Structure formats: C-alpha cells, structure tokens
PDB file of N, CA and C in Angstrom:
ATOM      1  N   MET A   1       2.785  -2.213 -18.651  1.00  0.00           N
ATOM      2  CA  MET A   1       2.258  -0.922 -18.304  1.00  0.00           C
ATOM      3  C   MET A   1       2.542  -0.696 -16.819  1.00  0.00           C
ATOM      4  N   VAL A   2       2.915   0.542 -16.514  1.00  0.00           N
ATOM      5  CA  VAL A   2       3.155   0.939 -15.126  1.00  0.00           C
ATOM      6  C   VAL A   2       2.288   2.155 -14.840  1.00  0.00           C
ATOM      7  N   ARG A   3       1.578   2.117 -13.705  1.00  0.00           N
ATOM      8  CA  ARG A   3       0.721   3.239 -13.329  1.00  0.00           C
ATOM      9  C   ARG A   3       1.136   3.765 -11.972  1.00  0.00           C
ATOM     10  N   VAL A   4       1.283   5.103 -11.901  1.00  0.00           N
ATOM     11  CA  VAL A   4       1.539   5.814 -10.654  1.00  0.00           C
ATOM     12  C   VAL A   4       0.538   6.946 -10.612  1.00  0.00           C
ATOM     13  N   GLY A   5      -0.455   6.856  -9.708  1.00  0.00           N
ATOM     14  CA  GLY A   5      -1.516   7.861  -9.656  1.00  0.00           C
ATOM     15  C   GLY A   5      -2.252   7.899 -10.983  1.00  0.00           C
ATOM     16  N   ASP A   6      -2.336   9.086 -11.591  1.00  0.00           N
ATOM     17  CA  ASP A   6      -3.015   9.237 -12.879  1.00  0.00           C
ATOM     18  C   ASP A   6      -2.060   9.080 -14.057  1.00  0.00           C
ATOM     19  N   HIS A   7      -0.789   8.853 -13.786  1.00  0.00           N
ATOM     20  CA  HIS A   7       0.220   8.750 -14.847  1.00  0.00           C
ATOM     21  C   HIS A   7       0.428   7.291 -15.225  1.00  0.00           C
ATOM     22  N   GLN A   8       0.426   7.012 -16.531  1.00  0.00           N
ATOM     23  CA  GLN A   8       0.595   5.642 -17.013  1.00  0.00           C
ATOM     24  C   GLN A   8       1.664   5.610 -18.098  1.00  0.00           C
ATOM     25  N   GLN A   9       2.531   4.597 -18.046  1.00  0.00           N
ATOM     26  CA  GLN A   9       3.575   4.411 -19.055  1.00  0.00           C
ATOM     27  C   GLN A   9       3.473   2.999 -19.618  1.00  0.00           C
ATOM     28  N   THR A  10       3.705   2.876 -20.912  1.00  0.00           N
ATOM     29  CA  THR A  10       3.659   1.575 -21.574  1.00  0.00           C
ATOM     30  C   THR A  10       4.911   1.406 -22.417  1.00  0.00           C
ATOM     31  N   GLN A  11       5.495   0.219 -22.362  1.00  0.00           N
ATOM     32  CA  GLN A  11       6.652  -0.114 -23.193  1.00  0.00           C
ATOM     33  C   GLN A  11       6.516  -1.554 -23.665  1.00  0.00           C
ATOM     34  N   GLU A  12       7.244  -1.899 -24.719  1.00  0.00           N
ATOM     35  CA  GLU A  12       7.282  -3.258 -25.241  1.00  0.00           C
ATOM     36  C   GLU A  12       8.710  -3.767 -25.249  1.00  0.00           C
ATOM     37  N   VAL A  13       8.875  -5.064 -24.984  1.00  0.00           N
ATOM     38  CA  VAL A  13      10.176  -5.700 -25.149  1.00  0.00           C
ATOM     39  C   VAL A  13      10.263  -6.107 -26.610  1.00  0.00           C
ATOM     40  N   ARG A  14      11.338  -5.695 -27.244  1.00  0.00           N
ATOM     41  CA  ARG A  14      11.555  -6.043 -28.649  1.00  0.00           C
ATOM     42  C   ARG A  14      12.852  -6.829 -28.744  1.00  0.00           C
ATOM     43  N   SER A  15      12.759  -7.990 -29.327  1.00  0.00           N
ATOM     44  CA  SER A  15      13.964  -8.800 -29.489  1.00  0.00           C
ATOM     45  C   SER A  15      14.584  -8.507 -30.847  1.00  0.00           C
ATOM     46  N   GLY A  16      15.763  -8.977 -31.018  1.00  0.00           N
ATOM     47  CA  GLY A  16      16.444  -8.790 -32.290  1.00  0.00           C
ATOM     48  C   GLY A  16      17.835  -8.249 -32.081  1.00  0.00           C
ATOM     49  N   GLY A  17      18.528  -8.096 -33.152  1.00  0.00           N
ATOM     50  CA  GLY A  17      19.883  -7.597 -33.093  1.00  0.00           C
ATOM     51  C   GLY A  17      20.532  -7.774 -34.445  1.00  0.00           C
ATOM     52  N   SER A  18      21.826  -7.728 -34.428  1.00  0.00           N
ATOM     53  CA  SER A  18      22.575  -7.931 -35.663  1.00  0.00           C
ATOM     54  C   SER A  18      23.813  -8.745 -35.326  1.00  0.00           C
ATOM     55  N   TYR A  19      24.740  -8.780 -36.213  1.00  0.00           N
ATOM     56  CA  TYR A  19      25.936  -9.589 -36.040  1.00  0.00           C
ATOM     57  C   TYR A  19      26.616  -9.294 -34.700  1.00  0.00           C
ATOM     58  N   ILE A  20      26.708 -10.307 -33.865  1.00  0.00           N
ATOM     59  CA  ILE A  20      27.349 -10.251 -32.551  1.00  0.00           C
ATOM     60  C   ILE A  20      26.749  -9.145 -31.666  1.00  0.00           C
ATOM     61  N   SER A  21      25.446  -8.979 -31.729  1.00  0.00           N
ATOM     62  CA  SER A  21      24.795  -8.020 -30.834  1.00  0.00           C
ATOM     63  C   SER A  21      23.395  -8.516 -30.493  1.00  0.00           C
ATOM     64  N   GLN A  22      22.823  -7.945 -29.460  1.00  0.00           N
ATOM     65  CA  GLN A  22      21.484  -8.309 -29.011  1.00  0.00           C
ATOM     66  C   GLN A  22      20.845  -7.100 -28.365  1.00  0.00           C
ATOM     67  N   SER A  23      19.546  -6.924 -28.591  1.00  0.00           N
ATOM     68  CA  SER A  23      18.834  -5.825 -27.949  1.00  0.00           C
ATOM     69  C   SER A  23      18.662  -6.116 -26.465  1.00  0.00           C
ATOM     70  N   ASP A  24      18.629  -5.074 -25.669  1.00  0.00           N
ATOM     71  CA  ASP A  24      18.436  -5.191 -24.226  1.00  0.00           C
ATOM     72  C   ASP A  24      16.963  -5.494 -23.944  1.00  0.00           C
ATOM     73  N   PHE A  25      16.694  -6.529 -23.166  1.00  0.00           N
ATOM     74  CA  PHE A  25      15.315  -6.903 -22.845  1.00  0.00           C
ATOM     75  C   PHE A  25      14.761  -6.132 -21.648  1.00  0.00           C
ATOM     76  N   ARG A  26      15.597  -5.338 -20.971  1.00  0.00           N
ATOM     77  CA  ARG A  26      15.137  -4.607 -19.794  1.00  0.00           C
ATOM     78  C   ARG A  26      14.312  -3.384 -20.208  1.00  0.00           C
ATOM     79  N   LEU A  27      13.305  -3.079 -19.407  1.00  0.00           N
ATOM     80  CA  LEU A  27      12.501  -1.876 -19.596  1.00  0.00           C
ATOM     81  C   LEU A  27      12.715  -0.980 -18.390  1.00  0.00           C
ATOM     82  N   HIS A  28      12.785   0.310 -18.600  1.00  0.00           N
ATOM     83  CA  HIS A  28      12.994   1.269 -17.518  1.00  0.00           C
ATOM     84  C   HIS A  28      11.806   2.207 -17.461  1.00  0.00           C
ATOM     85  N   PHE A  29      11.213   2.355 -16.277  1.00  0.00           N
ATOM     86  CA  PHE A  29      10.093   3.254 -16.065  1.00  0.00           C
ATOM     87  C   PHE A  29      10.491   4.268 -14.999  1.00  0.00           C
ATOM     88  N   GLY A  30      10.461   5.546 -15.334  1.00  0.00           N
ATOM     89  CA  GLY A  30      10.762   6.594 -14.372  1.00  0.00           C
ATOM     90  C   GLY A  30       9.527   6.928 -13.557  1.00  0.00           C
ATOM     91  N   LEU A  31       9.633   6.869 -12.239  1.00  0.00           N
ATOM     92  CA  LEU A  31       8.495   7.120 -11.362  1.00  0.00           C
ATOM     93  C   LEU A  31       8.539   8.494 -10.712  1.00  0.00           C
ATOM     94  N   GLY A  32       9.514   9.314 -11.096  1.00  0.00           N
ATOM     95  CA  GLY A  32       9.623  10.637 -10.484  1.00  0.00           C
ATOM     96  C   GLY A  32       9.886  10.511  -8.993  1.00  0.00           C
ATOM     97  N   GLN A  33       9.133  11.243  -8.185  1.00  0.00           N
ATOM     98  CA  GLN A  33       9.313  11.232  -6.734  1.00  0.00           C
ATOM     99  C   GLN A  33       8.530  10.110  -6.045  1.00  0.00           C
ATOM    100  N   ALA A  34       7.764   9.343  -6.804  1.00  0.00           N
ATOM    101  CA  ALA A  34       6.942   8.275  -6.213  1.00  0.00           C
ATOM    102  C   ALA A  34       7.822   7.184  -5.611  1.00  0.00           C
ATOM    103  N   ALA A  35       7.431   6.685  -4.451  1.00  0.00           N
ATOM    104  CA  ALA A  35       8.164   5.618  -3.767  1.00  0.00           C
ATOM    105  C   ALA A  35       7.733   4.235  -4.246  1.00  0.00           C
ATOM    106  N   LYS A  36       6.638   4.182  -5.003  1.00  0.00           N
ATOM    107  CA  LYS A  36       6.149   2.897  -5.499  1.00  0.00           C
ATOM    108  C   LYS A  36       5.286   3.120  -6.736  1.00  0.00           C
ATOM    109  N   ALA A  37       5.146   2.057  -7.513  1.00  0.00           N
ATOM    110  CA  ALA A  37       4.210   2.037  -8.639  1.00  0.00           C
ATOM    111  C   ALA A  37       2.920   1.413  -8.119  1.00  0.00           C
ATOM    112  N   ASP A  38       1.803   2.056  -8.390  1.00  0.00           N
ATOM    113  CA  ASP A  38       0.518   1.508  -7.941  1.00  0.00           C
ATOM    114  C   ASP A  38       0.219   0.182  -8.623  1.00  0.00           C
ATOM    115  N   LEU A  39       0.588   0.088  -9.909  1.00  0.00           N
ATOM    116  CA  LEU A  39       0.275  -1.120 -10.680  1.00  0.00           C
ATOM    117  C   LEU A  39       1.335  -1.352 -11.732  1.00  0.00           C
ATOM    118  N   VAL A  40       1.775  -2.604 -11.866  1.00  0.00           N
ATOM    119  CA  VAL A  40       2.599  -3.046 -12.982  1.00  0.00           C
ATOM    120  C   VAL A  40       1.814  -4.173 -13.640  1.00  0.00           C
ATOM    121  N   GLU A  41       1.505  -3.996 -14.908  1.00  0.00           N
ATOM    122  CA  GLU A  41       0.725  -5.001 -15.635  1.00  0.00           C
ATOM    123  C   GLU A  41       1.549  -5.518 -16.794  1.00  0.00           C
ATOM    124  N   ILE A  42       1.690  -6.840 -16.889  1.00  0.00           N
ATOM    125  CA  ILE A  42       2.455  -7.479 -17.946  1.00  0.00           C
ATOM    126  C   ILE A  42       1.481  -8.273 -18.810  1.00  0.00           C
ATOM    127  N   ARG A  43       1.506  -8.002 -20.093  1.00  0.00           N
ATOM    128  CA  ARG A  43       0.686  -8.747 -21.063  1.00  0.00           C
ATOM    129  C   ARG A  43       1.627  -9.580 -21.915  1.00  0.00           C
ATOM    130  N   TRP A  44       1.569 -10.891 -21.717  1.00  0.00           N
ATOM    131  CA  TRP A  44       2.459 -11.823 -22.394  1.00  0.00           C
ATOM    132  C   TRP A  44       1.920 -12.177 -23.776  1.00  0.00           C
ATOM    133  N   PRO A  45       2.799 -12.564 -24.704  1.00  0.00           N
ATOM    134  CA  PRO A  45       2.350 -12.972 -26.042  1.00  0.00           C
ATOM    135  C   PRO A  45       1.353 -14.131 -26.012  1.00  0.00           C
ATOM    136  N   SER A  46       1.391 -14.960 -24.981  1.00  0.00           N
ATOM    137  CA  SER A  46       0.466 -16.095 -24.863  1.00  0.00           C
ATOM    138  C   SER A  46      -0.959 -15.646 -24.590  1.00  0.00           C
ATOM    139  N   GLY A  47      -1.132 -14.371 -24.184  1.00  0.00           N
ATOM    140  CA  GLY A  47      -2.452 -13.858 -23.811  1.00  0.00           C
ATOM    141  C   GLY A  47      -2.623 -13.700 -22.311  1.00  0.00           C
ATOM    142  N   LEU A  48      -1.726 -14.293 -21.526  1.00  0.00           N
ATOM    143  CA  LEU A  48      -1.785 -14.166 -20.068  1.00  0.00           C
ATOM    144  C   LEU A  48      -1.481 -12.726 -19.663  1.00  0.00           C
ATOM    145  N   THR A  49      -2.234 -12.195 -18.713  1.00  0.00           N
ATOM    146  CA  THR A  49      -1.970 -10.879 -18.143  1.00  0.00           C
ATOM    147  C   THR A  49      -1.699 -11.051 -16.653  1.00  0.00           C
ATOM    148  N   GLU A  50      -0.567 -10.513 -16.200  1.00  0.00           N
ATOM    149  CA  GLU A  50      -0.220 -10.577 -14.783  1.00  0.00           C
ATOM    150  C   GLU A  50      -0.182  -9.166 -14.226  1.00  0.00           C
ATOM    151  N   ARG A  51      -0.644  -8.995 -12.991  1.00  0.00           N
ATOM    152  CA  ARG A  51      -0.703  -7.688 -12.345  1.00  0.00           C
ATOM    153  C   ARG A  51       0.044  -7.732 -11.016  1.00  0.00           C
ATOM    154  N   LEU A  52       0.915  -6.758 -10.819  1.00  0.00           N
ATOM    155  CA  LEU A  52       1.638  -6.598  -9.561  1.00  0.00           C
ATOM    156  C   LEU A  52       1.237  -5.243  -9.003  1.00  0.00           C
ATOM    157  N   GLU A  53       0.864  -5.191  -7.744  1.00  0.00           N
ATOM    158  CA  GLU A  53       0.411  -3.948  -7.137  1.00  0.00           C
ATOM    159  C   GLU A  53       1.391  -3.484  -6.065  1.00  0.00           C
ATOM    160  N   ASN A  54       1.457  -2.151  -5.872  1.00  0.00           N
ATOM    161  CA  ASN A  54       2.313  -1.539  -4.858  1.00  0.00           C
ATOM    162  C   ASN A  54       3.761  -2.005  -4.971  1.00  0.00           C
ATOM    163  N   VAL A  55       4.322  -1.849  -6.149  1.00  0.00           N
ATOM    164  CA  VAL A  55       5.696  -2.276  -6.414  1.00  0.00           C
ATOM    165  C   VAL A  55       6.652  -1.158  -6.003  1.00  0.00           C
ATOM    166  N   THR A  56       7.554  -1.451  -5.087  1.00  0.00           N
ATOM    167  CA  THR A  56       8.509  -0.472  -4.574  1.00  0.00           C
ATOM    168  C   THR A  56       9.425   0.022  -5.692  1.00  0.00           C
ATOM    169  N   ALA A  57       9.707   1.327  -5.692  1.00  0.00           N
ATOM    170  CA  ALA A  57      10.594   1.943  -6.688  1.00  0.00           C
ATOM    171  C   ALA A  57      12.041   1.529  -6.461  1.00  0.00           C
ATOM    172  N   ASN A  58      12.896   1.894  -7.395  1.00  0.00           N
ATOM    173  CA  ASN A  58      14.334   1.615  -7.331  1.00  0.00           C
ATOM    174  C   ASN A  58      14.637   0.133  -7.207  1.00  0.00           C
ATOM    175  N   ARG A  59      13.974  -0.636  -8.041  1.00  0.00           N
ATOM    176  CA  ARG A  59      14.160  -2.089  -8.072  1.00  0.00           C
ATOM    177  C   ARG A  59      14.429  -2.532  -9.493  1.00  0.00           C
ATOM    178  N   ILE A  60      15.215  -3.569  -9.616  1.00  0.00           N
ATOM    179  CA  ILE A  60      15.324  -4.298 -10.873  1.00  0.00           C
ATOM    180  C   ILE A  60      14.500  -5.561 -10.659  1.00  0.00           C
ATOM    181  N   MET A  61      13.513  -5.770 -11.508  1.00  0.00           N
ATOM    182  CA  MET A  61      12.639  -6.925 -11.337  1.00  0.00           C
ATOM    183  C   MET A  61      12.876  -7.930 -12.453  1.00  0.00           C
ATOM    184  N   LYS A  62      13.028  -9.180 -12.081  1.00  0.00           N
ATOM    185  CA  LYS A  62      13.137 -10.266 -13.047  1.00  0.00           C
ATOM    186  C   LYS A  62      11.769 -10.945 -13.083  1.00  0.00           C
ATOM    187  N   ILE A  63      11.130 -10.889 -14.220  1.00  0.00           N
ATOM    188  CA  ILE A  63       9.766 -11.393 -14.322  1.00  0.00           C
ATOM    189  C   ILE A  63       9.701 -12.462 -15.401  1.00  0.00           C
ATOM    190  N   ARG A  64       9.159 -13.607 -15.042  1.00  0.00           N
ATOM    191  CA  ARG A  64       8.943 -14.696 -15.992  1.00  0.00           C
ATOM    192  C   ARG A  64       7.458 -15.002 -16.034  1.00  0.00           C
ATOM    193  N   GLU A  65       6.990 -15.371 -17.183  1.00  0.00           N
ATOM    194  CA  GLU A  65       5.576 -15.670 -17.351  1.00  0.00           C
ATOM    195  C   GLU A  65       5.133 -16.790 -16.406  1.00  0.00           C
ATOM    196  N   GLY A  66       4.102 -16.503 -15.607  1.00  0.00           N
ATOM    197  CA  GLY A  66       3.522 -17.500 -14.719  1.00  0.00           C
ATOM    198  C   GLY A  66       4.314 -17.776 -13.460  1.00  0.00           C
ATOM    199  N   VAL A  67       5.413 -17.036 -13.232  1.00  0.00           N
ATOM    200  CA  VAL A  67       6.275 -17.245 -12.064  1.00  0.00           C
ATOM    201  C   VAL A  67       6.318 -15.943 -11.277  1.00  0.00           C
ATOM    202  N   ALA A  68       6.338 -16.034  -9.964  1.00  0.00           N
ATOM    203  CA  ALA A  68       6.387 -14.836  -9.125  1.00  0.00           C
ATOM    204  C   ALA A  68       7.602 -13.980  -9.470  1.00  0.00           C
ATOM    205  N   ALA A  69       7.416 -12.671  -9.459  1.00  0.00           N
ATOM    206  CA  ALA A  69       8.492 -11.738  -9.786  1.00  0.00           C
ATOM    207  C   ALA A  69       9.515 -11.698  -8.659  1.00  0.00           C
ATOM    208  N   VAL A  70      10.775 -11.496  -9.022  1.00  0.00           N
ATOM    209  CA  VAL A  70      11.858 -11.363  -8.055  1.00  0.00           C
ATOM    210  C   VAL A  70      12.417  -9.949  -8.186  1.00  0.00           C
ATOM    211  N   ALA A  71      12.510  -9.224  -7.080  1.00  0.00           N
ATOM    212  CA  ALA A  71      13.004  -7.847  -7.096  1.00  0.00           C
ATOM    213  C   ALA A  71      14.346  -7.763  -6.391  1.00  0.00           C
ATOM    214  N   GLU A  72      15.212  -6.918  -6.935  1.00  0.00           N
ATOM    215  CA  GLU A  72      16.511  -6.658  -6.318  1.00  0.00           C
ATOM    216  C   GLU A  72      16.636  -5.150  -6.141  1.00  0.00           C
ATOM    217  N   THR A  73      17.195  -4.714  -5.040  1.00  0.00           N
ATOM    218  CA  THR A  73      17.398  -3.290  -4.800  1.00  0.00           C
ATOM    219  C   THR A  73      18.516  -2.766  -5.678  1.00  0.00           C
ATOM    220  N   MET A  74      18.301  -1.586  -6.264  1.00  0.00           N
ATOM    221  CA  MET A  74      19.341  -0.933  -7.048  1.00  0.00           C
ATOM    222  C   MET A  74      20.214  -0.117  -6.111  1.00  0.00           C
ATOM    223  N   GLU A  75      21.488  -0.302  -6.187  1.00  0.00           N
ATOM    224  CA  GLU A  75      22.418   0.479  -5.375  1.00  0.00           C
ATOM    225  C   GLU A  75      22.797   1.727  -6.150  1.00  0.00           C
ATOM    226  N   LYS A  76      22.809   2.882  -5.468  1.00  0.00           N
ATOM    227  CA  LYS A  76      23.173   4.140  -6.122  1.00  0.00           C
ATOM    228  C   LYS A  76      24.588   4.514  -5.819  1.00  0.00           C
TER     229      LYS A  76
END
C-alpha cells in the first residue's frame, strides 16, 4: 500500500506465467505531482508488515522481507 496525503493505492505481486514466460514482480504507483509517498507499507505472506515513510518519488525500490530497502533513481 502506498499513501500520499488522503490518497491510497494498493497492489499485489502475483507470480505465475506460462511456457517460457514469467509475470513481472514490479509494482508501479503513480504519485501525480507529489515529490514523495508519505507511507509505503508491505505486508508479506509470512505475516510481517514493514513500513517505509517519506519515500522519495521517481525511484525503483528493491525490497526484500526483513532487509532494508534499496532505492535507485529513475532516469528520464
């Protein structure tokens, strides 16, 4: 879940695919004109919930359960 002000978006990672294909595990959240997300909350299948606050926009984040998130700037 990603929250910016009063706006909240939720998505799920779904695995699977077919012969010689795989679904994309990346999730994309549009923040409009916001420079940051107030809250990013990840709910893992294990039951663990992780919260990241004040996450800068225009980033690709690699997130692993129980490990600090790594952000990379997106080049336009």
